Amino acid sequence: MTILCIETSTSVCSAAICQDGKPLKQCISLEGGNHAKLLPEYIDELLVYARKHNISIDAVALSEGPGSYTGLRIGTSTAKGLCYGLDIPLIPIPTLEVLKEASGLKEGCLVPMIDARRMEVYTTGEDGKARAVVVESEQSLTADKETDFYYFGDGAAKCQSVLTRPNWHYLPDIVPQAQYMGVLAEQITNGQSVDIAYYEPYYLKEFIAAQSHVKGLK
């Protein structure tokens, strides 16, 4: 399969074309805060690349969350538009799994962390399911004290002062990227996709809009 991958769950914005699980081309910005402008530009660049190389896009893979509410909405609306326009399926991929793939680690206990503000992070529990955790000690994340744990992601650096045991290892500069999504999409599709009309990103926590401080807006 040739899959157009979109990742906008954190401050990093990226899109890529992957074929048979391997990235052919990726566009990425690590600057943050400009997803709405950058993502359409990246998609255009990738579609031009696909046409130039006579590549047909078979599906769109979307990093589904948890993560930034705004980033997830931008990625979701773009992915839906592409799927409708190209008449191809949408493949949602858990963002924490994308982050694990980006780590490059195949052994040890992986603890991906996406920043959820203050000392809270989105991570995976021992059952593999995503959860929101306030990190107060190693026991906030696991009861196991002996195994080597590797924690990473944009929510990890702030936890270094808490995760002080020698078996907890911080890995810097690891972020979810679209280029790592192709192999995951190949693994989880099984010929199935979601209903595009009713699909919503996986926020994990309920979104609560704050009252606007702009005069005249309630």
Protein backbone atom coordinates (compact mmCIF):
# COMPACT_ATOMS: atom_id res chain seq x y z
CA MET A 1 0.00 0.00 0.00
CA THR A 2 0.97 3.62 -0.53
CA ILE A 3 -0.25 5.70 2.39
CA LEU A 4 -0.33 9.44 2.97
CA CYS A 5 0.42 9.91 6.68
CA ILE A 6 -0.51 12.92 8.83
CA GLU A 7 0.82 13.69 12.31
CA THR A 8 -0.29 16.89 14.10
CA SER A 9 -0.87 15.77 17.68
CA THR A 10 1.94 17.83 19.27
CA SER A 11 3.86 21.01 18.45
CA VAL A 12 5.55 19.07 15.63
CA CYS A 13 3.73 19.10 12.28
CA SER A 14 4.56 16.44 9.72
CA ALA A 15 3.19 14.58 6.72
CA ALA A 16 4.74 11.78 4.70
CA ILE A 17 4.18 9.31 1.89
CA CYS A 18 4.98 5.73 2.89
CA GLN A 19 4.99 2.71 0.60
CA ASP A 20 4.90 -0.83 1.97
CA GLY A 21 5.68 0.61 5.39
CA LYS A 22 8.75 2.57 4.31
CA PRO A 23 8.85 6.39 4.06
CA LEU A 24 9.41 7.82 0.57
CA LYS A 25 9.22 11.51 1.47
CA GLN A 26 8.46 13.51 4.62
CA CYS A 27 7.74 17.18 5.25
CA ILE A 28 8.20 18.31 8.85
CA SER A 29 8.40 21.39 11.07
CA LEU A 30 9.65 21.28 14.66
CA GLU A 31 8.84 24.94 15.31
CA GLY A 32 5.24 24.51 16.52
CA GLY A 33 2.13 26.67 16.40
CA ASN A 34 1.56 26.85 12.65
CA HIS A 35 -0.13 23.57 11.74
CA ALA A 36 -3.10 25.14 9.94
CA LYS A 37 -0.76 26.88 7.48
CA LEU A 38 1.91 24.22 7.14
CA LEU A 39 -0.12 21.05 6.77
CA PRO A 40 -1.91 22.04 3.51
CA GLU A 41 1.45 23.11 2.06
CA TYR A 42 2.97 19.77 3.01
CA ILE A 43 0.04 17.85 1.51
CA ASP A 44 0.35 19.78 -1.76
CA GLU A 45 4.09 19.05 -1.90
CA LEU A 46 3.53 15.36 -1.27
CA LEU A 47 0.76 15.07 -3.86
CA VAL A 48 2.99 16.78 -6.43
CA TYR A 49 5.70 14.26 -5.54
CA ALA A 50 3.23 11.39 -5.95
CA ARG A 51 2.08 12.60 -9.38
CA LYS A 52 5.66 13.16 -10.52
CA HIS A 53 6.57 9.58 -9.60
CA ASN A 54 3.28 8.10 -10.85
CA ILE A 55 2.27 7.02 -7.35
CA SER A 56 -1.37 6.41 -6.42
CA ILE A 57 -2.39 7.05 -2.82
CA ASP A 58 -4.30 4.07 -1.41
CA ALA A 59 -5.23 5.43 2.03
CA VAL A 60 -4.68 8.23 4.53
CA ALA A 61 -3.22 7.37 7.94
CA LEU A 62 -3.94 9.81 10.75
CA SER A 63 -2.29 10.07 14.15
CA GLU A 64 -5.53 10.02 16.15
CA GLY A 65 -4.41 11.22 19.61
CA PRO A 66 -4.29 11.83 22.44
CA GLY A 67 -2.55 15.17 22.12
CA SER A 68 -3.23 18.81 21.35
CA TYR A 69 -6.94 19.49 20.81
CA THR A 70 -6.23 22.06 18.11
CA GLY A 71 -3.59 19.96 16.38
CA LEU A 72 -5.81 16.88 16.33
CA ARG A 73 -8.72 18.84 14.85
CA ILE A 74 -6.51 20.30 12.10
CA GLY A 75 -5.14 16.88 11.22
CA THR A 76 -8.56 15.24 11.30
CA SER A 77 -10.29 17.80 9.09
CA THR A 78 -7.47 17.63 6.56
CA ALA A 79 -7.46 13.83 6.53
CA LYS A 80 -11.24 13.66 6.09
CA GLY A 81 -11.12 16.10 3.18
CA LEU A 82 -8.44 14.05 1.46
CA CYS A 83 -10.33 10.80 1.97
CA TYR A 84 -13.54 12.27 0.55
CA GLY A 85 -11.76 13.93 -2.35
CA LEU A 86 -9.64 10.93 -3.32
CA ASP A 87 -12.28 8.34 -2.33
CA ILE A 88 -9.85 6.39 -0.17
CA PRO A 89 -10.08 4.97 3.37
CA LEU A 90 -8.95 6.62 6.62
CA ILE A 91 -6.69 4.64 8.97
CA PRO A 92 -6.44 6.08 12.52
CA ILE A 93 -3.26 5.22 14.44
CA PRO A 94 -2.80 5.78 18.20
CA THR A 95 -0.34 8.63 18.67
CA LEU A 96 1.43 6.92 21.56
CA GLU A 97 2.19 3.98 19.25
CA VAL A 98 3.64 6.42 16.71
CA LEU A 99 5.83 7.82 19.48
CA LYS A 100 7.01 4.33 20.44
CA GLU A 101 7.90 3.61 16.82
CA ALA A 102 9.82 6.90 16.66
CA SER A 103 11.94 5.81 19.63
CA GLY A 104 13.45 3.01 17.57
CA LEU A 105 13.50 0.77 20.66
CA LYS A 106 12.41 -2.83 20.35
CA GLU A 107 13.32 -3.99 23.87
CA GLY A 108 12.71 -2.74 27.40
CA CYS A 109 9.61 -1.10 28.84
CA LEU A 110 8.68 1.90 26.73
CA VAL A 111 6.88 4.80 28.41
CA PRO A 112 5.83 7.35 25.76
CA MET A 113 4.74 10.70 27.19
CA ILE A 114 2.72 13.44 25.53
CA ASP A 115 2.46 16.68 27.48
CA ALA A 116 -0.95 17.30 29.03
CA ARG A 117 0.17 20.42 30.97
CA ARG A 118 1.49 20.85 34.52
CA MET A 119 2.76 17.43 35.70
CA GLU A 120 0.17 15.47 33.72
CA VAL A 121 1.05 13.35 30.70
CA TYR A 122 -0.73 11.06 28.28
CA THR A 123 0.93 7.67 28.34
CA THR A 124 0.17 3.96 28.11
CA GLY A 125 -0.59 1.76 31.10
CA GLU A 126 0.60 -1.78 31.70
CA ASP A 127 -2.45 -2.94 29.74
CA GLY A 128 -1.28 -0.93 26.73
CA LYS A 129 -4.22 1.47 26.87
CA ALA A 130 -3.80 5.24 26.78
CA ARG A 131 -4.39 7.15 30.00
CA ALA A 132 -3.79 10.56 31.55
CA VAL A 133 -1.46 10.46 34.57
CA VAL A 134 -0.23 13.08 37.02
CA VAL A 135 3.40 12.03 37.51
CA GLU A 136 4.25 12.27 41.21
CA SER A 137 6.61 9.29 41.42
CA GLU A 138 7.57 6.14 39.53
CA GLN A 139 4.59 4.45 41.18
CA SER A 140 2.30 6.86 39.32
CA LEU A 141 3.26 5.00 36.16
CA THR A 142 4.00 1.43 37.25
CA ALA A 143 4.31 -0.77 40.32
CA ASP A 144 7.35 -2.58 38.89
CA LYS A 145 10.57 -1.32 40.51
CA GLU A 146 13.15 -3.58 38.86
CA THR A 147 12.63 -3.35 35.09
CA ASP A 148 14.46 -0.79 32.96
CA PHE A 149 12.05 1.89 31.74
CA TYR A 150 12.66 4.29 28.87
CA TYR A 151 10.55 7.44 28.83
CA PHE A 152 10.40 9.97 26.01
CA GLY A 153 8.21 12.46 24.18
CA ASP A 154 7.36 16.12 24.74
CA GLY A 155 5.96 15.34 28.19
CA ALA A 156 9.05 13.50 29.40
CA ALA A 157 11.62 16.21 30.20
CA LYS A 158 9.53 17.74 32.99
CA CYS A 159 9.37 14.33 34.72
CA GLN A 160 13.14 13.95 35.20
CA SER A 161 13.06 15.46 38.69
CA VAL A 162 10.46 12.86 39.73
CA LEU A 163 11.64 9.73 37.90
CA THR A 164 14.98 9.48 39.70
CA ARG A 165 15.51 5.74 40.13
CA PRO A 166 18.53 4.36 38.21
CA ASN A 167 16.31 2.08 36.12
CA TRP A 168 14.38 5.04 34.63
CA HIS A 169 16.11 6.36 31.50
CA TYR A 170 15.14 9.63 29.82
CA LEU A 171 15.51 9.73 26.00
CA PRO A 172 15.52 13.31 24.62
CA ASP A 173 14.46 14.65 21.21
CA ILE A 174 11.99 11.90 20.33
CA VAL A 175 8.75 13.17 18.79
CA PRO A 176 5.94 11.53 16.82
CA GLN A 177 6.54 11.86 13.08
CA ALA A 178 4.51 10.88 10.03
CA GLN A 179 7.37 8.85 8.55
CA TYR A 180 6.94 6.24 11.29
CA MET A 181 3.23 5.74 10.63
CA GLY A 182 3.42 3.73 7.43
CA VAL A 183 4.62 0.52 9.06
CA LEU A 184 1.96 0.85 11.78
CA ALA A 185 -0.79 1.43 9.23
CA GLU A 186 0.25 -1.72 7.39
CA GLN A 187 0.05 -3.69 10.63
CA ILE A 188 -3.35 -2.53 11.86
CA THR A 189 -5.51 -2.13 8.75
CA ASN A 190 -6.56 -5.73 8.12
CA GLY A 191 -8.62 -4.41 5.22
CA GLN A 192 -10.71 -2.23 7.53
CA SER A 193 -11.14 1.51 7.92
CA VAL A 194 -13.39 3.87 9.86
CA ASP A 195 -16.58 5.63 8.87
CA ILE A 196 -15.17 8.98 7.77
CA ALA A 197 -18.41 10.88 8.37
CA TYR A 198 -18.57 9.96 12.05
CA TYR A 199 -14.90 9.71 12.89
CA GLU A 200 -13.56 11.94 15.69
CA PRO A 201 -10.03 12.17 17.08
CA TYR A 202 -9.18 10.46 20.34
CA TYR A 203 -8.95 13.33 22.83
CA LEU A 204 -8.85 11.00 25.87
CA LYS A 205 -9.94 13.87 28.12
CA GLU A 206 -13.11 15.86 27.53
CA PHE A 207 -12.50 19.14 25.74
CA ILE A 208 -13.67 22.16 27.75
CA ALA A 209 -13.52 25.51 25.96
CA ALA A 210 -12.40 28.47 28.04
CA GLN A 211 -14.39 31.70 28.00
CA SER A 212 -13.03 34.15 25.46
CA HIS A 213 -11.36 37.32 26.75
CA VAL A 214 -11.96 39.11 23.45
CA LYS A 215 -14.41 41.96 23.90
CA GLY A 216 -17.82 41.20 22.40
CA LEU A 217 -17.33 37.42 22.41
CA LYS A 218 -19.13 35.32 25.04
